[in-house]
């Protein structure tokens, strides 16, 4: 989270323009990693991750995305965008869902 804060505090980030909307993809990837790490830091139960762990990881990543957009509003050369937050949340949902799905594959059939 500290790295995200540092990057969002930079006036401009030099990124080559590869395609339209690439910033949203970058947001989704970065916040997907955050969601993945947040959930990965939790210990799954015998039956896998609980709904509270899944929702909590997505919620924390999403709320951090909101705070990041508010923070960027005050950084010269940066702007806040609700669609960046949407991309942040979508990235977290996808990553947390992927980790949940992978954890379910590892749970023995007798434990389910």
PDB file of N, CA and C in Angstrom:
ATOM      1  N   UNK A   1       0.825  -1.181   0.000  1.00  0.00           N
ATOM      2  CA  UNK A   1       0.000   0.000   0.000  1.00  0.00           C
ATOM      3  C   UNK A   1       0.872   1.248   0.000  1.00  0.00           C
ATOM      4  N   UNK A   2       2.010   1.155   0.645  1.00  0.00           N
ATOM      5  CA  UNK A   2       2.932   2.282   0.656  1.00  0.00           C
ATOM      6  C   UNK A   2       3.454   2.593  -0.738  1.00  0.00           C
ATOM      7  N   UNK A   3       3.727   1.549  -1.520  1.00  0.00           N
ATOM      8  CA  UNK A   3       4.198   1.752  -2.894  1.00  0.00           C
ATOM      9  C   UNK A   3       3.114   2.419  -3.737  1.00  0.00           C
ATOM     10  N   UNK A   4       1.867   2.026  -3.541  1.00  0.00           N
ATOM     11  CA  UNK A   4       0.763   2.651  -4.274  1.00  0.00           C
ATOM     12  C   UNK A   4       0.646   4.127  -3.910  1.00  0.00           C
ATOM     13  N   UNK A   5       0.772   4.424  -2.619  1.00  0.00           N
ATOM     14  CA  UNK A   5       0.698   5.822  -2.181  1.00  0.00           C
ATOM     15  C   UNK A   5       1.828   6.632  -2.801  1.00  0.00           C
ATOM     16  N   UNK A   6       3.025   6.064  -2.791  1.00  0.00           N
ATOM     17  CA  UNK A   6       4.176   6.765  -3.366  1.00  0.00           C
ATOM     18  C   UNK A   6       3.944   7.048  -4.846  1.00  0.00           C
ATOM     19  N   UNK A   7       3.509   6.037  -5.595  1.00  0.00           N
ATOM     20  CA  UNK A   7       3.281   6.221  -7.033  1.00  0.00           C
ATOM     21  C   UNK A   7       2.176   7.232  -7.308  1.00  0.00           C
ATOM     22  N   UNK A   8       1.121   7.191  -6.508  1.00  0.00           N
ATOM     23  CA  UNK A   8       0.014   8.120  -6.755  1.00  0.00           C
ATOM     24  C   UNK A   8       0.354   9.544  -6.328  1.00  0.00           C
ATOM     25  N   UNK A   9       1.435   9.703  -5.577  1.00  0.00           N
ATOM     26  CA  UNK A   9       1.851  11.040  -5.133  1.00  0.00           C
ATOM     27  C   UNK A   9       2.763  11.723  -6.152  1.00  0.00           C
ATOM     28  N   UNK A  10       3.190  10.986  -7.173  1.00  0.00           N
ATOM     29  CA  UNK A  10       4.045  11.567  -8.208  1.00  0.00           C
ATOM     30  C   UNK A  10       3.202  12.442  -9.136  1.00  0.00           C
ATOM     31  N   UNK A  11       3.709  13.629  -9.498  1.00  0.00           N
ATOM     32  CA  UNK A  11       2.924  14.522 -10.359  1.00  0.00           C
ATOM     33  C   UNK A  11       2.511  13.875 -11.683  1.00  0.00           C
ATOM     34  N   UNK A  12       3.417  13.213 -12.342  1.00  0.00           N
ATOM     35  CA  UNK A  12       3.085  12.478 -13.567  1.00  0.00           C
ATOM     36  C   UNK A  12       3.946  11.232 -13.618  1.00  0.00           C
ATOM     37  N   UNK A  13       3.393  10.179 -14.154  1.00  0.00           N
ATOM     38  CA  UNK A  13       4.138   8.942 -14.311  1.00  0.00           C
ATOM     39  C   UNK A  13       4.388   8.725 -15.798  1.00  0.00           C
ATOM     40  N   UNK A  14       5.655   8.570 -16.197  1.00  0.00           N
ATOM     41  CA  UNK A  14       5.951   8.382 -17.616  1.00  0.00           C
ATOM     42  C   UNK A  14       5.550   6.975 -18.073  1.00  0.00           C
ATOM     43  N   UNK A  15       4.477   6.883 -18.814  1.00  0.00           N
ATOM     44  CA  UNK A  15       4.040   5.603 -19.362  1.00  0.00           C
ATOM     45  C   UNK A  15       3.758   5.777 -20.844  1.00  0.00           C
ATOM     46  N   UNK A  16       4.295   4.873 -21.661  1.00  0.00           N
ATOM     47  CA  UNK A  16       4.018   4.967 -23.093  1.00  0.00           C
ATOM     48  C   UNK A  16       2.550   4.646 -23.367  1.00  0.00           C
ATOM     49  N   UNK A  17       1.974   5.349 -24.314  1.00  0.00           N
ATOM     50  CA  UNK A  17       0.573   5.117 -24.664  1.00  0.00           C
ATOM     51  C   UNK A  17       0.501   3.978 -25.676  1.00  0.00           C
ATOM     52  N   UNK A  18       0.062   2.811 -25.218  1.00  0.00           N
ATOM     53  CA  UNK A  18      -0.026   1.638 -26.082  1.00  0.00           C
ATOM     54  C   UNK A  18      -1.406   1.491 -26.702  1.00  0.00           C
ATOM     55  N   UNK A  19      -2.451   1.812 -25.925  1.00  0.00           N
ATOM     56  CA  UNK A  19      -3.822   1.706 -26.418  1.00  0.00           C
ATOM     57  C   UNK A  19      -4.725   2.548 -25.532  1.00  0.00           C
ATOM     58  N   UNK A  20      -5.895   2.833 -26.046  1.00  0.00           N
ATOM     59  CA  UNK A  20      -6.859   3.646 -25.304  1.00  0.00           C
ATOM     60  C   UNK A  20      -7.361   2.878 -24.086  1.00  0.00           C
ATOM     61  N   UNK A  21      -7.385   3.525 -22.955  1.00  0.00           N
ATOM     62  CA  UNK A  21      -7.879   2.887 -21.740  1.00  0.00           C
ATOM     63  C   UNK A  21      -6.854   2.052 -21.009  1.00  0.00           C
ATOM     64  N   UNK A  22      -5.590   2.158 -21.407  1.00  0.00           N
ATOM     65  CA  UNK A  22      -4.575   1.333 -20.758  1.00  0.00           C
ATOM     66  C   UNK A  22      -4.433   1.661 -19.277  1.00  0.00           C
ATOM     67  N   UNK A  23      -4.720   2.908 -18.900  1.00  0.00           N
ATOM     68  CA  UNK A  23      -4.609   3.272 -17.487  1.00  0.00           C
ATOM     69  C   UNK A  23      -5.600   2.477 -16.645  1.00  0.00           C
ATOM     70  N   UNK A  24      -6.767   2.179 -17.188  1.00  0.00           N
ATOM     71  CA  UNK A  24      -7.760   1.389 -16.446  1.00  0.00           C
ATOM     72  C   UNK A  24      -7.261  -0.040 -16.263  1.00  0.00           C
ATOM     73  N   UNK A  25      -6.620  -0.581 -17.301  1.00  0.00           N
ATOM     74  CA  UNK A  25      -6.048  -1.920 -17.187  1.00  0.00           C
ATOM     75  C   UNK A  25      -4.951  -1.935 -16.132  1.00  0.00           C
ATOM     76  N   UNK A  26      -4.102  -0.909 -16.119  1.00  0.00           N
ATOM     77  CA  UNK A  26      -3.048  -0.823 -15.106  1.00  0.00           C
ATOM     78  C   UNK A  26      -3.653  -0.740 -13.704  1.00  0.00           C
ATOM     79  N   UNK A  27      -4.706   0.056 -13.555  1.00  0.00           N
ATOM     80  CA  UNK A  27      -5.387   0.142 -12.262  1.00  0.00           C
ATOM     81  C   UNK A  27      -5.903  -1.232 -11.841  1.00  0.00           C
ATOM     82  N   UNK A  28      -6.553  -1.936 -12.750  1.00  0.00           N
ATOM     83  CA  UNK A  28      -7.112  -3.253 -12.430  1.00  0.00           C
ATOM     84  C   UNK A  28      -6.011  -4.234 -12.036  1.00  0.00           C
ATOM     85  N   UNK A  29      -4.899  -4.205 -12.739  1.00  0.00           N
ATOM     86  CA  UNK A  29      -3.795  -5.117 -12.423  1.00  0.00           C
ATOM     87  C   UNK A  29      -3.212  -4.803 -11.049  1.00  0.00           C
ATOM     88  N   UNK A  30      -2.924  -3.544 -10.798  1.00  0.00           N
ATOM     89  CA  UNK A  30      -2.296  -3.158  -9.523  1.00  0.00           C
ATOM     90  C   UNK A  30      -3.219  -3.459  -8.343  1.00  0.00           C
ATOM     91  N   UNK A  31      -4.499  -3.120  -8.475  1.00  0.00           N
ATOM     92  CA  UNK A  31      -5.418  -3.386  -7.369  1.00  0.00           C
ATOM     93  C   UNK A  31      -5.810  -4.856  -7.308  1.00  0.00           C
ATOM     94  N   UNK A  32      -5.669  -5.563  -8.411  1.00  0.00           N
ATOM     95  CA  UNK A  32      -5.819  -7.012  -8.374  1.00  0.00           C
ATOM     96  C   UNK A  32      -4.713  -7.632  -7.535  1.00  0.00           C
ATOM     97  N   UNK A  33      -3.502  -7.149  -7.729  1.00  0.00           N
ATOM     98  CA  UNK A  33      -2.375  -7.623  -6.918  1.00  0.00           C
ATOM     99  C   UNK A  33      -2.619  -7.299  -5.446  1.00  0.00           C
ATOM    100  N   UNK A  34      -3.109  -6.094  -5.173  1.00  0.00           N
ATOM    101  CA  UNK A  34      -3.411  -5.720  -3.786  1.00  0.00           C
ATOM    102  C   UNK A  34      -4.462  -6.653  -3.190  1.00  0.00           C
ATOM    103  N   UNK A  35      -5.550  -6.887  -3.902  1.00  0.00           N
ATOM    104  CA  UNK A  35      -6.590  -7.794  -3.411  1.00  0.00           C
ATOM    105  C   UNK A  35      -6.054  -9.199  -3.187  1.00  0.00           C
ATOM    106  N   UNK A  36      -5.227  -9.669  -4.120  1.00  0.00           N
ATOM    107  CA  UNK A  36      -4.607 -10.991  -4.019  1.00  0.00           C
ATOM    108  C   UNK A  36      -3.745 -11.078  -2.763  1.00  0.00           C
ATOM    109  N   UNK A  37      -2.934 -10.040  -2.527  1.00  0.00           N
ATOM    110  CA  UNK A  37      -2.069 -10.030  -1.343  1.00  0.00           C
ATOM    111  C   UNK A  37      -2.874  -9.925  -0.050  1.00  0.00           C
ATOM    112  N   UNK A  38      -3.922  -9.115  -0.067  1.00  0.00           N
ATOM    113  CA  UNK A  38      -4.756  -8.984   1.130  1.00  0.00           C
ATOM    114  C   UNK A  38      -5.398 -10.317   1.492  1.00  0.00           C
ATOM    115  N   UNK A  39      -5.964 -10.994   0.510  1.00  0.00           N
ATOM    116  CA  UNK A  39      -6.587 -12.290   0.797  1.00  0.00           C
ATOM    117  C   UNK A  39      -5.528 -13.332   1.117  1.00  0.00           C
ATOM    118  N   UNK A  40      -4.420 -13.296   0.385  1.00  0.00           N
ATOM    119  CA  UNK A  40      -3.346 -14.255   0.631  1.00  0.00           C
ATOM    120  C   UNK A  40      -2.736 -14.135   2.017  1.00  0.00           C
ATOM    121  N   UNK A  41      -2.882 -12.977   2.638  1.00  0.00           N
ATOM    122  CA  UNK A  41      -2.347 -12.793   3.990  1.00  0.00           C
ATOM    123  C   UNK A  41      -3.246 -13.431   5.048  1.00  0.00           C
ATOM    124  N   UNK A  42      -4.438 -13.816   4.664  1.00  0.00           N
ATOM    125  CA  UNK A  42      -5.373 -14.471   5.580  1.00  0.00           C
ATOM    126  C   UNK A  42      -5.150 -15.976   5.519  1.00  0.00           C
ATOM    127  N   UNK A  43      -5.369 -16.660   6.611  1.00  0.00           N
ATOM    128  CA  UNK A  43      -5.251 -18.109   6.645  1.00  0.00           C
ATOM    129  C   UNK A  43      -6.605 -18.716   6.320  1.00  0.00           C
ATOM    130  N   UNK A  44      -6.663 -19.527   5.253  1.00  0.00           N
ATOM    131  CA  UNK A  44      -7.957 -20.134   4.924  1.00  0.00           C
ATOM    132  C   UNK A  44      -8.337 -21.194   5.951  1.00  0.00           C
ATOM    133  N   UNK A  45      -9.626 -21.388   6.115  1.00  0.00           N
ATOM    134  CA  UNK A  45     -10.090 -22.454   6.995  1.00  0.00           C
ATOM    135  C   UNK A  45      -9.907 -23.783   6.272  1.00  0.00           C
ATOM    136  N   UNK A  46     -10.289 -24.853   6.922  1.00  0.00           N
ATOM    137  CA  UNK A  46     -10.187 -26.181   6.312  1.00  0.00           C
ATOM    138  C   UNK A  46     -10.987 -26.227   5.016  1.00  0.00           C
ATOM    139  N   UNK A  47     -12.068 -25.475   4.958  1.00  0.00           N
ATOM    140  CA  UNK A  47     -12.931 -25.481   3.781  1.00  0.00           C
ATOM    141  C   UNK A  47     -12.608 -24.350   2.814  1.00  0.00           C
ATOM    142  N   UNK A  48     -11.495 -23.677   2.997  1.00  0.00           N
ATOM    143  CA  UNK A  48     -11.116 -22.578   2.110  1.00  0.00           C
ATOM    144  C   UNK A  48     -11.357 -21.238   2.785  1.00  0.00           C
ATOM    145  N   UNK A  49     -11.273 -20.191   2.010  1.00  0.00           N
ATOM    146  CA  UNK A  49     -11.486 -18.849   2.544  1.00  0.00           C
ATOM    147  C   UNK A  49     -12.959 -18.636   2.869  1.00  0.00           C
ATOM    148  N   UNK A  50     -13.200 -17.901   3.929  1.00  0.00           N
ATOM    149  CA  UNK A  50     -14.584 -17.605   4.312  1.00  0.00           C
ATOM    150  C   UNK A  50     -15.106 -16.431   3.483  1.00  0.00           C
ATOM    151  N   UNK A  51     -16.406 -16.287   3.459  1.00  0.00           N
ATOM    152  CA  UNK A  51     -17.004 -15.155   2.741  1.00  0.00           C
ATOM    153  C   UNK A  51     -16.541 -13.827   3.327  1.00  0.00           C
ATOM    154  N   UNK A  52     -16.393 -13.791   4.643  1.00  0.00           N
ATOM    155  CA  UNK A  52     -15.931 -12.557   5.291  1.00  0.00           C
ATOM    156  C   UNK A  52     -14.517 -12.200   4.831  1.00  0.00           C
ATOM    157  N   UNK A  53     -13.653 -13.196   4.670  1.00  0.00           N
ATOM    158  CA  UNK A  53     -12.300 -12.933   4.187  1.00  0.00           C
ATOM    159  C   UNK A  53     -12.318 -12.427   2.747  1.00  0.00           C
ATOM    160  N   UNK A  54     -13.164 -13.029   1.920  1.00  0.00           N
ATOM    161  CA  UNK A  54     -13.279 -12.607   0.519  1.00  0.00           C
ATOM    162  C   UNK A  54     -13.795 -11.180   0.430  1.00  0.00           C
ATOM    163  N   UNK A  55     -14.910 -10.929   1.091  1.00  0.00           N
ATOM    164  CA  UNK A  55     -15.517  -9.592   1.056  1.00  0.00           C
ATOM    165  C   UNK A  55     -14.597  -8.544   1.671  1.00  0.00           C
ATOM    166  N   UNK A  56     -13.955  -8.910   2.772  1.00  0.00           N
ATOM    167  CA  UNK A  56     -13.062  -7.971   3.448  1.00  0.00           C
ATOM    168  C   UNK A  56     -11.886  -7.565   2.576  1.00  0.00           C
ATOM    169  N   UNK A  57     -11.308  -8.517   1.867  1.00  0.00           N
ATOM    170  CA  UNK A  57     -10.178  -8.207   0.987  1.00  0.00           C
ATOM    171  C   UNK A  57     -10.600  -7.275  -0.141  1.00  0.00           C
ATOM    172  N   UNK A  58     -11.755  -7.553  -0.733  1.00  0.00           N
ATOM    173  CA  UNK A  58     -12.267  -6.694  -1.807  1.00  0.00           C
ATOM    174  C   UNK A  58     -12.603  -5.313  -1.253  1.00  0.00           C
ATOM    175  N   UNK A  59     -13.240  -5.272  -0.090  1.00  0.00           N
ATOM    176  CA  UNK A  59     -13.638  -4.002   0.509  1.00  0.00           C
ATOM    177  C   UNK A  59     -12.429  -3.132   0.838  1.00  0.00           C
ATOM    178  N   UNK A  60     -11.403  -3.726   1.436  1.00  0.00           N
ATOM    179  CA  UNK A  60     -10.210  -2.949   1.794  1.00  0.00           C
ATOM    180  C   UNK A  60      -9.532  -2.410   0.534  1.00  0.00           C
ATOM    181  N   UNK A  61      -9.389  -3.254  -0.491  1.00  0.00           N
ATOM    182  CA  UNK A  61      -8.769  -2.796  -1.741  1.00  0.00           C
ATOM    183  C   UNK A  61      -9.599  -1.682  -2.379  1.00  0.00           C
ATOM    184  N   UNK A  62     -10.912  -1.847  -2.381  1.00  0.00           N
ATOM    185  CA  UNK A  62     -11.792  -0.846  -2.981  1.00  0.00           C
ATOM    186  C   UNK A  62     -11.742   0.475  -2.212  1.00  0.00           C
ATOM    187  N   UNK A  63     -11.788   0.400  -0.892  1.00  0.00           N
ATOM    188  CA  UNK A  63     -11.717   1.620  -0.082  1.00  0.00           C
ATOM    189  C   UNK A  63     -10.362   2.307  -0.223  1.00  0.00           C
ATOM    190  N   UNK A  64      -9.314   1.509  -0.354  1.00  0.00           N
ATOM    191  CA  UNK A  64      -8.002   2.115  -0.582  1.00  0.00           C
ATOM    192  C   UNK A  64      -7.986   2.812  -1.940  1.00  0.00           C
ATOM    193  N   UNK A  65      -8.679   2.228  -2.922  1.00  0.00           N
ATOM    194  CA  UNK A  65      -8.802   2.868  -4.228  1.00  0.00           C
ATOM    195  C   UNK A  65      -9.503   4.210  -4.135  1.00  0.00           C
ATOM    196  N   UNK A  66     -10.563   4.271  -3.331  1.00  0.00           N
ATOM    197  CA  UNK A  66     -11.269   5.542  -3.119  1.00  0.00           C
ATOM    198  C   UNK A  66     -10.325   6.561  -2.484  1.00  0.00           C
ATOM    199  N   UNK A  67      -9.621   6.139  -1.442  1.00  0.00           N
ATOM    200  CA  UNK A  67      -8.716   7.075  -0.766  1.00  0.00           C
ATOM    201  C   UNK A  67      -7.596   7.522  -1.702  1.00  0.00           C
ATOM    202  N   UNK A  68      -7.153   6.639  -2.573  1.00  0.00           N
ATOM    203  CA  UNK A  68      -6.116   6.987  -3.538  1.00  0.00           C
ATOM    204  C   UNK A  68      -6.617   8.035  -4.534  1.00  0.00           C
ATOM    205  N   UNK A  69      -7.849   7.877  -4.996  1.00  0.00           N
ATOM    206  CA  UNK A  69      -8.411   8.856  -5.933  1.00  0.00           C
ATOM    207  C   UNK A  69      -8.614  10.212  -5.255  1.00  0.00           C
ATOM    208  N   UNK A  70      -9.044  10.202  -4.008  1.00  0.00           N
ATOM    209  CA  UNK A  70      -9.176  11.462  -3.262  1.00  0.00           C
ATOM    210  C   UNK A  70      -7.802  12.110  -3.100  1.00  0.00           C
ATOM    211  N   UNK A  71      -6.815  11.307  -2.756  1.00  0.00           N
ATOM    212  CA  UNK A  71      -5.447  11.806  -2.597  1.00  0.00           C
ATOM    213  C   UNK A  71      -4.940  12.423  -3.899  1.00  0.00           C
ATOM    214  N   UNK A  72      -5.186  11.756  -5.031  1.00  0.00           N
ATOM    215  CA  UNK A  72      -4.696  12.260  -6.318  1.00  0.00           C
ATOM    216  C   UNK A  72      -5.337  13.595  -6.694  1.00  0.00           C
ATOM    217  N   UNK A  73      -6.516  13.848  -6.201  1.00  0.00           N
ATOM    218  CA  UNK A  73      -7.189  15.122  -6.470  1.00  0.00           C
ATOM    219  C   UNK A  73      -6.337  16.305  -6.003  1.00  0.00           C
ATOM    220  N   UNK A  74      -5.583  16.087  -4.935  1.00  0.00           N
ATOM    221  CA  UNK A  74      -4.784  17.158  -4.338  1.00  0.00           C
ATOM    222  C   UNK A  74      -3.337  17.178  -4.824  1.00  0.00           C
ATOM    223  N   UNK A  75      -2.953  16.237  -5.671  1.00  0.00           N
ATOM    224  CA  UNK A  75      -1.581  16.177  -6.185  1.00  0.00           C
ATOM    225  C   UNK A  75      -1.508  16.960  -7.496  1.00  0.00           C
ATOM    226  N   UNK A  76      -0.635  17.970  -7.564  1.00  0.00           N
ATOM    227  CA  UNK A  76      -0.508  18.743  -8.808  1.00  0.00           C
ATOM    228  C   UNK A  76      -0.145  17.835  -9.988  1.00  0.00           C
ATOM    229  N   UNK A  77      -0.832  18.035 -11.095  1.00  0.00           N
ATOM    230  CA  UNK A  77      -0.569  17.230 -12.287  1.00  0.00           C
ATOM    231  C   UNK A  77      -1.333  15.925 -12.331  1.00  0.00           C
ATOM    232  N   UNK A  78      -2.079  15.618 -11.279  1.00  0.00           N
ATOM    233  CA  UNK A  78      -2.873  14.383 -11.238  1.00  0.00           C
ATOM    234  C   UNK A  78      -4.339  14.758 -11.133  1.00  0.00           C
ATOM    235  N   UNK A  79      -5.190  13.807 -11.389  1.00  0.00           N
ATOM    236  CA  UNK A  79      -6.631  14.033 -11.253  1.00  0.00           C
ATOM    237  C   UNK A  79      -7.263  12.772 -10.693  1.00  0.00           C
ATOM    238  N   UNK A  80      -8.438  12.922 -10.131  1.00  0.00           N
ATOM    239  CA  UNK A  80      -9.153  11.742  -9.645  1.00  0.00           C
ATOM    240  C   UNK A  80     -10.242  11.408 -10.652  1.00  0.00           C
ATOM    241  N   UNK A  81     -10.539  10.127 -10.763  1.00  0.00           N
ATOM    242  CA  UNK A  81     -11.499   9.658 -11.754  1.00  0.00           C
ATOM    243  C   UNK A  81     -12.263   8.481 -11.159  1.00  0.00           C
ATOM    244  N   UNK A  82     -13.575   8.575 -11.147  1.00  0.00           N
ATOM    245  CA  UNK A  82     -14.389   7.503 -10.588  1.00  0.00           C
ATOM    246  C   UNK A  82     -14.172   6.202 -11.361  1.00  0.00           C
ATOM    247  N   UNK A  83     -13.865   6.299 -12.659  1.00  0.00           N
ATOM    248  CA  UNK A  83     -13.641   5.087 -13.454  1.00  0.00           C
ATOM    249  C   UNK A  83     -12.339   4.396 -13.072  1.00  0.00           C
ATOM    250  N   UNK A  84     -11.370   5.150 -12.555  1.00  0.00           N
ATOM    251  CA  UNK A  84     -10.163   4.519 -12.018  1.00  0.00           C
ATOM    252  C   UNK A  84     -10.534   3.668 -10.808  1.00  0.00           C
ATOM    253  N   UNK A  85     -11.396   4.200  -9.956  1.00  0.00           N
ATOM    254  CA  UNK A  85     -11.840   3.440  -8.782  1.00  0.00           C
ATOM    255  C   UNK A  85     -12.621   2.195  -9.209  1.00  0.00           C
ATOM    256  N   UNK A  86     -13.455   2.326 -10.226  1.00  0.00           N
ATOM    257  CA  UNK A  86     -14.197   1.161 -10.733  1.00  0.00           C
ATOM    258  C   UNK A  86     -13.207   0.100 -11.219  1.00  0.00           C
ATOM    259  N   UNK A  87     -12.189   0.516 -11.953  1.00  0.00           N
ATOM    260  CA  UNK A  87     -11.170  -0.428 -12.427  1.00  0.00           C
ATOM    261  C   UNK A  87     -10.426  -1.055 -11.252  1.00  0.00           C
ATOM    262  N   UNK A  88     -10.130  -0.267 -10.220  1.00  0.00           N
ATOM    263  CA  UNK A  88      -9.481  -0.795  -9.015  1.00  0.00           C
ATOM    264  C   UNK A  88     -10.317  -1.914  -8.409  1.00  0.00           C
ATOM    265  N   UNK A  89     -11.594  -1.650  -8.250  1.00  0.00           N
ATOM    266  CA  UNK A  89     -12.494  -2.614  -7.616  1.00  0.00           C
ATOM    267  C   UNK A  89     -12.654  -3.863  -8.474  1.00  0.00           C
ATOM    268  N   UNK A  90     -12.798  -3.689  -9.775  1.00  0.00           N
ATOM    269  CA  UNK A  90     -12.919  -4.845 -10.669  1.00  0.00           C
ATOM    270  C   UNK A  90     -11.661  -5.703 -10.603  1.00  0.00           C
ATOM    271  N   UNK A  91     -10.503  -5.071 -10.584  1.00  0.00           N
ATOM    272  CA  UNK A  91      -9.253  -5.816 -10.466  1.00  0.00           C
ATOM    273  C   UNK A  91      -9.188  -6.621  -9.183  1.00  0.00           C
ATOM    274  N   UNK A  92      -9.609  -6.017  -8.076  1.00  0.00           N
ATOM    275  CA  UNK A  92      -9.612  -6.719  -6.788  1.00  0.00           C
ATOM    276  C   UNK A  92     -10.596  -7.884  -6.808  1.00  0.00           C
ATOM    277  N   UNK A  93     -11.775  -7.671  -7.379  1.00  0.00           N
ATOM    278  CA  UNK A  93     -12.786  -8.738  -7.448  1.00  0.00           C
ATOM    279  C   UNK A  93     -12.254  -9.915  -8.261  1.00  0.00           C
ATOM    280  N   UNK A  94     -11.651  -9.639  -9.402  1.00  0.00           N
ATOM    281  CA  UNK A  94     -11.132 -10.717 -10.255  1.00  0.00           C
ATOM    282  C   UNK A  94     -10.024 -11.483  -9.546  1.00  0.00           C
ATOM    283  N   UNK A  95      -9.073 -10.774  -8.950  1.00  0.00           N
ATOM    284  CA  UNK A  95      -7.949 -11.438  -8.291  1.00  0.00           C
ATOM    285  C   UNK A  95      -8.391 -12.240  -7.074  1.00  0.00           C
ATOM    286  N   UNK A  96      -9.269 -11.667  -6.257  1.00  0.00           N
ATOM    287  CA  UNK A  96      -9.760 -12.378  -5.071  1.00  0.00           C
ATOM    288  C   UNK A  96     -10.565 -13.603  -5.506  1.00  0.00           C
ATOM    289  N   UNK A  97     -11.361 -13.467  -6.534  1.00  0.00           N
ATOM    290  CA  UNK A  97     -12.134 -14.607  -7.045  1.00  0.00           C
ATOM    291  C   UNK A  97     -11.209 -15.701  -7.559  1.00  0.00           C
ATOM    292  N   UNK A  98     -10.140 -15.307  -8.246  1.00  0.00           N
ATOM    293  CA  UNK A  98      -9.179 -16.283  -8.754  1.00  0.00           C
ATOM    294  C   UNK A  98      -8.497 -17.022  -7.610  1.00  0.00           C
ATOM    295  N   UNK A  99      -8.062 -16.292  -6.597  1.00  0.00           N
ATOM    296  CA  UNK A  99      -7.409 -16.937  -5.456  1.00  0.00           C
ATOM    297  C   UNK A  99      -8.390 -17.839  -4.719  1.00  0.00           C
ATOM    298  N   UNK A 100      -9.636 -17.410  -4.575  1.00  0.00           N
ATOM    299  CA  UNK A 100     -10.655 -18.252  -3.943  1.00  0.00           C
ATOM    300  C   UNK A 100     -10.836 -19.531  -4.746  1.00  0.00           C
ATOM    301  N   UNK A 101     -10.938 -19.408  -6.068  1.00  0.00           N
ATOM    302  CA  UNK A 101     -11.133 -20.573  -6.931  1.00  0.00           C
ATOM    303  C   UNK A 101      -9.939 -21.521  -6.826  1.00  0.00           C
ATOM    304  N   UNK A 102      -8.730 -20.973  -6.835  1.00  0.00           N
ATOM    305  CA  UNK A 102      -7.539 -21.812  -6.707  1.00  0.00           C
ATOM    306  C   UNK A 102      -7.490 -22.500  -5.351  1.00  0.00           C
ATOM    307  N   UNK A 103      -7.911 -21.811  -4.302  1.00  0.00           N
ATOM    308  CA  UNK A 103      -7.888 -22.421  -2.968  1.00  0.00           C
ATOM    309  C   UNK A 103      -8.913 -23.540  -2.865  1.00  0.00           C
ATOM    310  N   UNK A 104     -10.031 -23.418  -3.556  1.00  0.00           N
ATOM    311  CA  UNK A 104     -11.055 -24.475  -3.543  1.00  0.00           C
ATOM    312  C   UNK A 104     -10.539 -25.726  -4.238  1.00  0.00           C
ATOM    313  N   UNK A 105      -9.694 -25.554  -5.242  1.00  0.00           N
ATOM    314  CA  UNK A 105      -9.131 -26.694  -5.963  1.00  0.00           C
ATOM    315  C   UNK A 105      -8.157 -27.473  -5.087  1.00  0.00           C
ATOM    316  N   UNK A 106      -7.578 -26.799  -4.097  1.00  0.00           N
ATOM    317  CA  UNK A 106      -6.578 -27.430  -3.244  1.00  0.00           C
ATOM    318  C   UNK A 106      -7.186 -28.100  -2.020  1.00  0.00           C
ATOM    319  N   UNK A 107      -8.435 -27.787  -1.717  1.00  0.00           N
ATOM    320  CA  UNK A 107      -9.089 -28.370  -0.545  1.00  0.00           C
ATOM    321  C   UNK A 107      -9.482 -29.802  -0.879  1.00  0.00           C
ATOM    322  N   UNK A 108      -9.103 -30.773  -0.036  1.00  0.00           N
ATOM    323  CA  UNK A 108      -9.487 -32.160  -0.303  1.00  0.00           C
ATOM    324  C   UNK A 108     -11.007 -32.314  -0.363  1.00  0.00           C
ATOM    325  N   UNK A 109     -11.463 -33.220  -1.194  1.00  0.00           N
ATOM    326  CA  UNK A 109     -12.903 -33.429  -1.390  1.00  0.00           C
ATOM    327  C   UNK A 109     -13.601 -33.802  -0.089  1.00  0.00           C
ATOM    328  N   UNK A 110     -12.930 -34.484   0.822  1.00  0.00           N
ATOM    329  CA  UNK A 110     -13.553 -34.878   2.085  1.00  0.00           C
ATOM    330  C   UNK A 110     -13.801 -33.682   2.990  1.00  0.00           C
ATOM    331  N   UNK A 111     -13.016 -32.606   2.824  1.00  0.00           N
ATOM    332  CA  UNK A 111     -13.179 -31.422   3.672  1.00  0.00           C
ATOM    333  C   UNK A 111     -14.330 -30.543   3.211  1.00  0.00           C
ATOM    334  N   UNK A 112     -14.749 -30.689   1.959  1.00  0.00           N
ATOM    335  CA  UNK A 112     -15.837 -29.859   1.448  1.00  0.00           C
ATOM    336  C   UNK A 112     -17.104 -30.431   1.915  1.00  0.00           C
TER     337      UNK A 112
END
